[in-house]
Amino acid sequence: MPTTSTKYRLDRRFALQIFGWRMVLAGIFAMATFVSFGVGGFGRTLGWALLALTLLLVATAFWTMAVPPLIVALTTQGFRLGRHAGGTVRRAHWMSVENVGTDQGPAGPRLVLTLDSGRTSEVPLMLLPLRADELQREVHERLNAANGYRRLN
């Protein structure tokens, strides 16, 4: 079992979609920037604001491709969900996890971690299709290690 933290990030094909949408919006704001500068007066101020927004969108688009958004991070102490995951609990220790299973959510299969308080954390497995099995296996290994279970050889 890994002793360090493991980060599962959004699959590249979904990151590419986010990149594309941000670039499309940046293009629209770039056109609006040129139109605003042509108006003069208040349009010039609006143009500078739109230019800043355009540059921000381009920078975040490239950042999304360089470092895709975090889905879930696993450590020896517990887990932390990114903003693309669901449920009511964003962070918890392994000792508070009561049950782990998969079910069919509205957007496809998801890994559901139920805590001893009855609250849940949900990781949409469709967001990381190439690493979904690895994630499930590692969650079970870390949960077993936290509870003192080990494999019999």
C-alpha atoms as a PDB file:
ATOM      1  CA  MET A   1       0.000   0.000   0.000  1.00  0.00           C
ATOM      2  CA  PRO A   2       1.286   3.493  -0.808  1.00  0.00           C
ATOM      3  CA  THR A   3       2.564   5.450   2.168  1.00  0.00           C
ATOM      4  CA  THR A   4       2.302   8.860   0.528  1.00  0.00           C
ATOM      5  CA  SER A   5      -0.690  10.721  -0.767  1.00  0.00           C
ATOM      6  CA  THR A   6      -2.190   9.912  -4.143  1.00  0.00           C
ATOM      7  CA  LYS A   7      -4.054  12.506  -6.164  1.00  0.00           C
ATOM      8  CA  TYR A   8      -6.638  11.510  -8.729  1.00  0.00           C
ATOM      9  CA  ARG A   9      -7.239  14.311 -11.203  1.00  0.00           C
ATOM     10  CA  LEU A  10      -9.847  14.945 -13.884  1.00  0.00           C
ATOM     11  CA  ASP A  11      -9.280  12.844 -16.997  1.00  0.00           C
ATOM     12  CA  ARG A  12      -7.547  14.745 -19.816  1.00  0.00           C
ATOM     13  CA  ARG A  13     -10.475  14.409 -22.216  1.00  0.00           C
ATOM     14  CA  PHE A  14     -12.740  16.305 -19.780  1.00  0.00           C
ATOM     15  CA  ALA A  15      -9.993  18.843 -19.030  1.00  0.00           C
ATOM     16  CA  LEU A  16      -9.735  19.419 -22.780  1.00  0.00           C
ATOM     17  CA  GLN A  17     -13.469  20.184 -22.920  1.00  0.00           C
ATOM     18  CA  ILE A  18     -13.095  22.742 -20.122  1.00  0.00           C
ATOM     19  CA  PHE A  19     -10.089  24.205 -21.954  1.00  0.00           C
ATOM     20  CA  GLY A  20     -12.151  24.503 -25.142  1.00  0.00           C
ATOM     21  CA  TRP A  21     -15.095  26.231 -23.495  1.00  0.00           C
ATOM     22  CA  ARG A  22     -12.832  28.702 -21.719  1.00  0.00           C
ATOM     23  CA  MET A  23     -11.059  29.507 -24.985  1.00  0.00           C
ATOM     24  CA  VAL A  24     -14.398  30.024 -26.769  1.00  0.00           C
ATOM     25  CA  LEU A  25     -15.468  32.444 -24.016  1.00  0.00           C
ATOM     26  CA  ALA A  26     -12.088  34.180 -24.229  1.00  0.00           C
ATOM     27  CA  GLY A  27     -12.630  34.637 -27.964  1.00  0.00           C
ATOM     28  CA  ILE A  28     -16.054  36.182 -27.391  1.00  0.00           C
ATOM     29  CA  PHE A  29     -14.671  38.533 -24.742  1.00  0.00           C
ATOM     30  CA  ALA A  30     -11.758  39.441 -27.054  1.00  0.00           C
ATOM     31  CA  MET A  31     -14.206  40.517 -29.760  1.00  0.00           C
ATOM     32  CA  ALA A  32     -16.200  42.506 -27.199  1.00  0.00           C
ATOM     33  CA  THR A  33     -12.931  44.125 -26.070  1.00  0.00           C
ATOM     34  CA  PHE A  34     -12.168  45.452 -29.561  1.00  0.00           C
ATOM     35  CA  VAL A  35     -15.711  46.743 -29.958  1.00  0.00           C
ATOM     36  CA  SER A  36     -15.553  48.464 -26.552  1.00  0.00           C
ATOM     37  CA  PHE A  37     -12.265  50.218 -27.351  1.00  0.00           C
ATOM     38  CA  GLY A  38     -13.819  51.547 -30.551  1.00  0.00           C
ATOM     39  CA  VAL A  39     -16.693  53.217 -28.677  1.00  0.00           C
ATOM     40  CA  GLY A  40     -14.455  55.459 -26.549  1.00  0.00           C
ATOM     41  CA  GLY A  41     -15.270  57.057 -23.178  1.00  0.00           C
ATOM     42  CA  PHE A  42     -16.765  54.486 -20.851  1.00  0.00           C
ATOM     43  CA  GLY A  43     -16.224  51.877 -23.556  1.00  0.00           C
ATOM     44  CA  ARG A  44     -12.472  52.229 -23.094  1.00  0.00           C
ATOM     45  CA  THR A  45     -12.789  51.395 -19.372  1.00  0.00           C
ATOM     46  CA  LEU A  46     -15.077  48.505 -20.210  1.00  0.00           C
ATOM     47  CA  GLY A  47     -12.568  47.406 -22.838  1.00  0.00           C
ATOM     48  CA  TRP A  48      -9.744  47.206 -20.275  1.00  0.00           C
ATOM     49  CA  ALA A  49     -11.967  45.181 -17.944  1.00  0.00           C
ATOM     50  CA  LEU A  50     -12.907  42.814 -20.774  1.00  0.00           C
ATOM     51  CA  LEU A  51      -9.243  42.505 -21.769  1.00  0.00           C
ATOM     52  CA  ALA A  52      -8.339  41.520 -18.203  1.00  0.00           C
ATOM     53  CA  LEU A  53     -11.164  38.974 -18.170  1.00  0.00           C
ATOM     54  CA  THR A  54     -10.013  37.582 -21.522  1.00  0.00           C
ATOM     55  CA  LEU A  55      -6.451  37.150 -20.286  1.00  0.00           C
ATOM     56  CA  LEU A  56      -7.719  35.522 -17.097  1.00  0.00           C
ATOM     57  CA  LEU A  57      -9.811  33.047 -19.094  1.00  0.00           C
ATOM     58  CA  VAL A  58      -6.859  32.155 -21.330  1.00  0.00           C
ATOM     59  CA  ALA A  59      -4.572  31.679 -18.310  1.00  0.00           C
ATOM     60  CA  THR A  60      -7.086  29.444 -16.487  1.00  0.00           C
ATOM     61  CA  ALA A  61      -7.693  27.452 -19.675  1.00  0.00           C
ATOM     62  CA  PHE A  62      -4.001  26.637 -20.003  1.00  0.00           C
ATOM     63  CA  TRP A  63      -3.739  25.982 -16.257  1.00  0.00           C
ATOM     64  CA  THR A  64      -6.585  23.454 -16.536  1.00  0.00           C
ATOM     65  CA  MET A  65      -4.614  21.546 -19.151  1.00  0.00           C
ATOM     66  CA  ALA A  66      -1.337  21.767 -17.217  1.00  0.00           C
ATOM     67  CA  VAL A  67      -2.855  20.766 -13.860  1.00  0.00           C
ATOM     68  CA  PRO A  68      -6.312  19.177 -14.257  1.00  0.00           C
ATOM     69  CA  PRO A  69      -8.737  19.742 -11.349  1.00  0.00           C
ATOM     70  CA  LEU A  70      -8.457  17.432  -8.346  1.00  0.00           C
ATOM     71  CA  ILE A  71     -11.160  14.792  -7.974  1.00  0.00           C
ATOM     72  CA  VAL A  72      -9.925  13.049  -4.815  1.00  0.00           C
ATOM     73  CA  ALA A  73      -6.720  12.910  -2.782  1.00  0.00           C
ATOM     74  CA  LEU A  74      -5.980   9.870  -0.615  1.00  0.00           C
ATOM     75  CA  THR A  75      -3.542   9.883   2.305  1.00  0.00           C
ATOM     76  CA  THR A  76      -2.744   7.458   5.094  1.00  0.00           C
ATOM     77  CA  GLN A  77      -4.972   9.518   7.420  1.00  0.00           C
ATOM     78  CA  GLY A  78      -8.006   9.983   5.191  1.00  0.00           C
ATOM     79  CA  PHE A  79      -9.338  11.467   1.976  1.00  0.00           C
ATOM     80  CA  ARG A  80     -10.136  14.893   0.559  1.00  0.00           C
ATOM     81  CA  LEU A  81     -12.561  15.500  -2.294  1.00  0.00           C
ATOM     82  CA  GLY A  82     -12.166  18.114  -4.978  1.00  0.00           C
ATOM     83  CA  ARG A  83     -15.002  20.366  -6.021  1.00  0.00           C
ATOM     84  CA  HIS A  84     -16.111  18.040  -8.835  1.00  0.00           C
ATOM     85  CA  ALA A  85     -16.993  15.252  -6.403  1.00  0.00           C
ATOM     86  CA  GLY A  86     -20.289  15.133  -4.523  1.00  0.00           C
ATOM     87  CA  GLY A  87     -21.805  14.248  -1.204  1.00  0.00           C
ATOM     88  CA  THR A  88     -22.027  16.150   2.038  1.00  0.00           C
ATOM     89  CA  VAL A  89     -18.518  15.431   3.363  1.00  0.00           C
ATOM     90  CA  ARG A  90     -15.463  16.869   1.588  1.00  0.00           C
ATOM     91  CA  ARG A  91     -12.804  15.506   3.959  1.00  0.00           C
ATOM     92  CA  ALA A  92     -12.727  12.655   6.488  1.00  0.00           C
ATOM     93  CA  HIS A  93     -10.439  10.231   8.309  1.00  0.00           C
ATOM     94  CA  TRP A  94     -10.408   6.546   7.374  1.00  0.00           C
ATOM     95  CA  MET A  95     -11.515   5.571  10.885  1.00  0.00           C
ATOM     96  CA  SER A  96     -14.819   7.392  10.368  1.00  0.00           C
ATOM     97  CA  VAL A  97     -15.610   5.516   7.132  1.00  0.00           C
ATOM     98  CA  GLU A  98     -18.219   2.849   7.795  1.00  0.00           C
ATOM     99  CA  ASN A  99     -18.899   1.520   4.299  1.00  0.00           C
ATOM    100  CA  VAL A 100     -17.517   1.829   0.773  1.00  0.00           C
ATOM    101  CA  GLY A 101     -19.435   0.784  -2.302  1.00  0.00           C
ATOM    102  CA  THR A 102     -20.374   1.712  -5.826  1.00  0.00           C
ATOM    103  CA  ASP A 103     -23.764   2.593  -7.188  1.00  0.00           C
ATOM    104  CA  GLN A 104     -25.312   4.151 -10.248  1.00  0.00           C
ATOM    105  CA  GLY A 105     -25.702   7.908  -9.906  1.00  0.00           C
ATOM    106  CA  PRO A 106     -27.413  10.327 -12.286  1.00  0.00           C
ATOM    107  CA  ALA A 107     -24.153  10.815 -14.228  1.00  0.00           C
ATOM    108  CA  GLY A 108     -22.954   7.205 -14.159  1.00  0.00           C
ATOM    109  CA  PRO A 109     -21.184   4.967 -11.661  1.00  0.00           C
ATOM    110  CA  ARG A 110     -19.821   6.529  -8.498  1.00  0.00           C
ATOM    111  CA  LEU A 111     -17.819   5.461  -5.472  1.00  0.00           C
ATOM    112  CA  VAL A 112     -19.796   6.152  -2.299  1.00  0.00           C
ATOM    113  CA  LEU A 113     -18.057   6.401   1.079  1.00  0.00           C
ATOM    114  CA  THR A 114     -20.544   6.301   3.948  1.00  0.00           C
ATOM    115  CA  LEU A 115     -19.331   7.681   7.270  1.00  0.00           C
ATOM    116  CA  ASP A 116     -20.346   6.543  10.750  1.00  0.00           C
ATOM    117  CA  SER A 117     -22.484   9.704  11.013  1.00  0.00           C
ATOM    118  CA  GLY A 118     -24.562   8.526   8.022  1.00  0.00           C
ATOM    119  CA  ARG A 119     -23.286  11.290   5.750  1.00  0.00           C
ATOM    120  CA  THR A 120     -21.710  10.366   2.420  1.00  0.00           C
ATOM    121  CA  SER A 121     -18.940  11.343   0.047  1.00  0.00           C
ATOM    122  CA  GLU A 122     -19.353  10.527  -3.628  1.00  0.00           C
ATOM    123  CA  VAL A 123     -16.682  10.265  -6.312  1.00  0.00           C
ATOM    124  CA  PRO A 124     -18.036  10.121  -9.893  1.00  0.00           C
ATOM    125  CA  LEU A 125     -15.980   7.359 -11.513  1.00  0.00           C
ATOM    126  CA  MET A 126     -16.749   8.641 -15.018  1.00  0.00           C
ATOM    127  CA  LEU A 127     -14.486  11.655 -14.344  1.00  0.00           C
ATOM    128  CA  LEU A 128     -11.450   9.355 -14.196  1.00  0.00           C
ATOM    129  CA  PRO A 129     -12.299   6.378 -16.406  1.00  0.00           C
ATOM    130  CA  LEU A 130      -8.731   5.136 -16.863  1.00  0.00           C
ATOM    131  CA  ARG A 131      -8.000   5.131 -13.125  1.00  0.00           C
ATOM    132  CA  ALA A 132     -11.368   4.153 -11.632  1.00  0.00           C
ATOM    133  CA  ASP A 133     -10.308   0.594 -10.771  1.00  0.00           C
ATOM    134  CA  GLU A 134      -7.047   1.842  -9.296  1.00  0.00           C
ATOM    135  CA  LEU A 135      -8.959   4.347  -7.133  1.00  0.00           C
ATOM    136  CA  GLN A 136     -11.351   1.704  -5.813  1.00  0.00           C
ATOM    137  CA  ARG A 137      -8.510  -0.690  -5.020  1.00  0.00           C
ATOM    138  CA  GLU A 138      -6.473   1.995  -3.254  1.00  0.00           C
ATOM    139  CA  VAL A 139      -9.463   3.168  -1.178  1.00  0.00           C
ATOM    140  CA  HIS A 140      -9.987  -0.384   0.058  1.00  0.00           C
ATOM    141  CA  GLU A 141      -6.261  -0.849   0.782  1.00  0.00           C
ATOM    142  CA  ARG A 142      -6.016   2.402   2.734  1.00  0.00           C
ATOM    143  CA  LEU A 143      -9.211   1.644   4.625  1.00  0.00           C
ATOM    144  CA  ASN A 144      -7.945  -1.819   5.552  1.00  0.00           C
ATOM    145  CA  ALA A 145      -4.568  -0.421   6.658  1.00  0.00           C
ATOM    146  CA  ALA A 146      -6.257   2.223   8.810  1.00  0.00           C
ATOM    147  CA  ASN A 147      -8.294  -0.468  10.565  1.00  0.00           C
ATOM    148  CA  GLY A 148      -5.269  -2.709  11.071  1.00  0.00           C
ATOM    149  CA  TYR A 149      -6.263  -5.381   8.546  1.00  0.00           C
ATOM    150  CA  ARG A 150      -3.597  -7.019   6.408  1.00  0.00           C
ATOM    151  CA  ARG A 151      -3.499  -9.612   3.654  1.00  0.00           C
ATOM    152  CA  LEU A 152      -2.933 -13.229   4.539  1.00  0.00           C
ATOM    153  CA  ASN A 153      -0.276 -14.776   2.318  1.00  0.00           C
END
